[in-house]
C-alpha atoms as a PDB file:
ATOM      1  CA  UNK A   1      84.226 115.870  75.412  1.00  0.00           C
ATOM      2  CA  UNK A   2      87.900 116.788  75.842  1.00  0.00           C
ATOM      3  CA  UNK A   3      91.119 115.811  74.927  1.00  0.00           C
ATOM      4  CA  UNK A   4      94.243 115.270  76.331  1.00  0.00           C
ATOM      5  CA  UNK A   5      97.783 115.558  75.573  1.00  0.00           C
ATOM      6  CA  UNK A   6     100.907 113.496  77.526  1.00  0.00           C
ATOM      7  CA  UNK A   7     104.465 112.378  77.718  1.00  0.00           C
ATOM      8  CA  UNK A   8     105.422 109.166  79.227  1.00  0.00           C
ATOM      9  CA  UNK A   9     109.589 108.401  80.178  1.00  0.00           C
ATOM     10  CA  UNK A  10     110.199 105.121  81.382  1.00  0.00           C
ATOM     11  CA  UNK A  11     113.924 105.963  82.974  1.00  0.00           C
ATOM     12  CA  UNK A  12     113.866 102.053  83.805  1.00  0.00           C
ATOM     13  CA  UNK A  13     112.043  99.066  82.188  1.00  0.00           C
ATOM     14  CA  UNK A  14     108.255  98.616  83.256  1.00  0.00           C
ATOM     15  CA  UNK A  15     108.283 101.825  85.241  1.00  0.00           C
ATOM     16  CA  UNK A  16     107.055 105.294  83.804  1.00  0.00           C
ATOM     17  CA  UNK A  17     106.606 108.885  84.760  1.00  0.00           C
ATOM     18  CA  UNK A  18     103.932 110.800  82.919  1.00  0.00           C
ATOM     19  CA  UNK A  19     102.637 114.337  82.573  1.00  0.00           C
ATOM     20  CA  UNK A  20      99.133 114.779  81.083  1.00  0.00           C
ATOM     21  CA  UNK A  21      97.298 118.231  80.513  1.00  0.00           C
ATOM     22  CA  UNK A  22      93.843 117.050  79.789  1.00  0.00           C
ATOM     23  CA  UNK A  23      90.570 119.396  79.285  1.00  0.00           C
ATOM     24  CA  UNK A  24      87.226 118.316  79.353  1.00  0.00           C
ATOM     25  CA  UNK A  25      83.773 119.762  79.356  1.00  0.00           C
ATOM     26  CA  UNK A  26      81.272 119.128  81.794  1.00  0.00           C
ATOM     27  CA  UNK A  27      77.415 119.068  82.459  1.00  0.00           C
ATOM     28  CA  UNK A  28      76.835 120.627  85.832  1.00  0.00           C
ATOM     29  CA  UNK A  29      73.328 120.107  87.197  1.00  0.00           C
ATOM     30  CA  UNK A  30      71.878 123.323  89.192  1.00  0.00           C
ATOM     31  CA  UNK A  31      68.830 121.967  91.350  1.00  0.00           C
ATOM     32  CA  UNK A  32      67.882 124.803  93.095  1.00  0.00           C
ATOM     33  CA  UNK A  33      66.921 126.386  89.410  1.00  0.00           C
ATOM     34  CA  UNK A  34      66.782 122.799  87.896  1.00  0.00           C
ATOM     35  CA  UNK A  35      68.813 124.249  84.869  1.00  0.00           C
ATOM     36  CA  UNK A  36      72.252 122.738  83.446  1.00  0.00           C
ATOM     37  CA  UNK A  37      75.494 124.422  81.608  1.00  0.00           C
ATOM     38  CA  UNK A  38      78.537 123.125  80.474  1.00  0.00           C
ATOM     39  CA  UNK A  39      81.734 123.554  82.165  1.00  0.00           C
ATOM     40  CA  UNK A  40      85.276 123.302  80.340  1.00  0.00           C
ATOM     41  CA  UNK A  41      87.869 122.043  83.362  1.00  0.00           C
ATOM     42  CA  UNK A  42      91.351 121.629  82.638  1.00  0.00           C
ATOM     43  CA  UNK A  43      93.906 119.427  84.813  1.00  0.00           C
ATOM     44  CA  UNK A  44      97.310 119.076  84.767  1.00  0.00           C
ATOM     45  CA  UNK A  45      98.083 115.079  85.948  1.00  0.00           C
ATOM     46  CA  UNK A  46     101.923 113.781  87.158  1.00  0.00           C
ATOM     47  CA  UNK A  47     102.020 110.282  87.763  1.00  0.00           C
ATOM     48  CA  UNK A  48     104.067 107.378  87.910  1.00  0.00           C
ATOM     49  CA  UNK A  49     103.038 103.625  87.223  1.00  0.00           C
ATOM     50  CA  UNK A  50     103.865 100.086  85.524  1.00  0.00           C
ATOM     51  CA  UNK A  51     104.048  99.913  81.760  1.00  0.00           C
ATOM     52  CA  UNK A  52     104.679  96.734  79.843  1.00  0.00           C
ATOM     53  CA  UNK A  53     104.007  96.111  76.467  1.00  0.00           C
ATOM     54  CA  UNK A  54     101.250  93.942  74.708  1.00  0.00           C
ATOM     55  CA  UNK A  55     101.857  94.135  71.183  1.00  0.00           C
ATOM     56  CA  UNK A  56     104.414  96.346  68.996  1.00  0.00           C
ATOM     57  CA  UNK A  57     102.555  99.192  69.221  1.00  0.00           C
ATOM     58  CA  UNK A  58     100.486  99.299  72.287  1.00  0.00           C
ATOM     59  CA  UNK A  59     101.088  99.239  76.038  1.00  0.00           C
ATOM     60  CA  UNK A  60      99.103  98.738  79.374  1.00  0.00           C
ATOM     61  CA  UNK A  61      99.667 101.196  82.131  1.00  0.00           C
ATOM     62  CA  UNK A  62      99.105 101.063  85.385  1.00  0.00           C
ATOM     63  CA  UNK A  63      99.773 103.395  88.222  1.00  0.00           C
ATOM     64  CA  UNK A  64      98.952 106.886  90.392  1.00  0.00           C
ATOM     65  CA  UNK A  65      97.822 110.512  89.380  1.00  0.00           C
ATOM     66  CA  UNK A  66      97.215 113.319  90.758  1.00  0.00           C
ATOM     67  CA  UNK A  67      95.650 116.962  89.350  1.00  0.00           C
ATOM     68  CA  UNK A  68      98.089 119.509  90.765  1.00  0.00           C
ATOM     69  CA  UNK A  69      95.962 122.251  88.934  1.00  0.00           C
ATOM     70  CA  UNK A  70      93.172 121.649  91.563  1.00  0.00           C
ATOM     71  CA  UNK A  71      90.579 123.787  89.073  1.00  0.00           C
ATOM     72  CA  UNK A  72      87.300 124.775  91.342  1.00  0.00           C
ATOM     73  CA  UNK A  73      85.620 122.380  89.181  1.00  0.00           C
ATOM     74  CA  UNK A  74      87.770 119.554  88.989  1.00  0.00           C
ATOM     75  CA  UNK A  75      85.925 116.288  90.625  1.00  0.00           C
ATOM     76  CA  UNK A  76      88.985 115.556  91.680  1.00  0.00           C
ATOM     77  CA  UNK A  77      89.663 116.258  95.341  1.00  0.00           C
ATOM     78  CA  UNK A  78      92.856 118.679  96.644  1.00  0.00           C
ATOM     79  CA  UNK A  79      96.056 116.738  95.331  1.00  0.00           C
ATOM     80  CA  UNK A  80      94.342 113.198  96.442  1.00  0.00           C
ATOM     81  CA  UNK A  81      96.298 110.805  94.065  1.00  0.00           C
ATOM     82  CA  UNK A  82      93.767 108.158  92.268  1.00  0.00           C
ATOM     83  CA  UNK A  83      94.538 105.143  90.566  1.00  0.00           C
ATOM     84  CA  UNK A  84      94.510 104.769  86.426  1.00  0.00           C
ATOM     85  CA  UNK A  85      94.866 101.997  84.171  1.00  0.00           C
ATOM     86  CA  UNK A  86      94.631 101.693  80.357  1.00  0.00           C
ATOM     87  CA  UNK A  87      96.318 101.086  76.994  1.00  0.00           C
ATOM     88  CA  UNK A  88      98.856 103.206  75.033  1.00  0.00           C
ATOM     89  CA  UNK A  89      98.364 102.615  71.144  1.00  0.00           C
ATOM     90  CA  UNK A  90      99.596 104.670  68.596  1.00  0.00           C
ATOM     91  CA  UNK A  91     102.140 105.622  65.435  1.00  0.00           C
ATOM     92  CA  UNK A  92     103.988 107.144  67.901  1.00  0.00           C
ATOM     93  CA  UNK A  93     104.659 104.102  70.146  1.00  0.00           C
ATOM     94  CA  UNK A  94     106.183 102.390  66.501  1.00  0.00           C
ATOM     95  CA  UNK A  95     107.926 105.310  65.656  1.00  0.00           C
ATOM     96  CA  UNK A  96     110.076 105.138  68.805  1.00  0.00           C
ATOM     97  CA  UNK A  97     110.575 101.881  68.486  1.00  0.00           C
ATOM     98  CA  UNK A  98     112.114 101.825  64.613  1.00  0.00           C
ATOM     99  CA  UNK A  99     114.263 104.425  65.706  1.00  0.00           C
ATOM    100  CA  UNK A 100     115.823 102.390  68.844  1.00  0.00           C
ATOM    101  CA  UNK A 101     116.003  99.671  66.161  1.00  0.00           C
ATOM    102  CA  UNK A 102     118.085 101.691  63.773  1.00  0.00           C
ATOM    103  CA  UNK A 103     120.170 102.730  66.208  1.00  0.00           C
ATOM    104  CA  UNK A 104     121.030  99.566  67.790  1.00  0.00           C
ATOM    105  CA  UNK A 105     121.624  98.558  64.291  1.00  0.00           C
ATOM    106  CA  UNK A 106     124.158 101.126  63.475  1.00  0.00           C
ATOM    107  CA  UNK A 107     126.020 100.520  66.943  1.00  0.00           C
END
């Protein structure tokens, strides 16, 4: 269980830069005592990659990210980039597209 908040910027078409804060709860198992506990782990990812629209409100992203916080309970090795791919869907994308459309109509 957890959540994230990110900012993605496209400096040129089909290329993005991304900053993402994420906080997740992981279940840690202690085998010596046969117990488990939940551990909250924060992440701060920096990344870059390829981005392409798949519909009016959805974008497909594929790129590399690295966790720069390196929390002691993080499952990611220190500063090793990893591949990430997925879709971004939402009303924020639609909002920015509408704003761009209005800007072009006014020009």
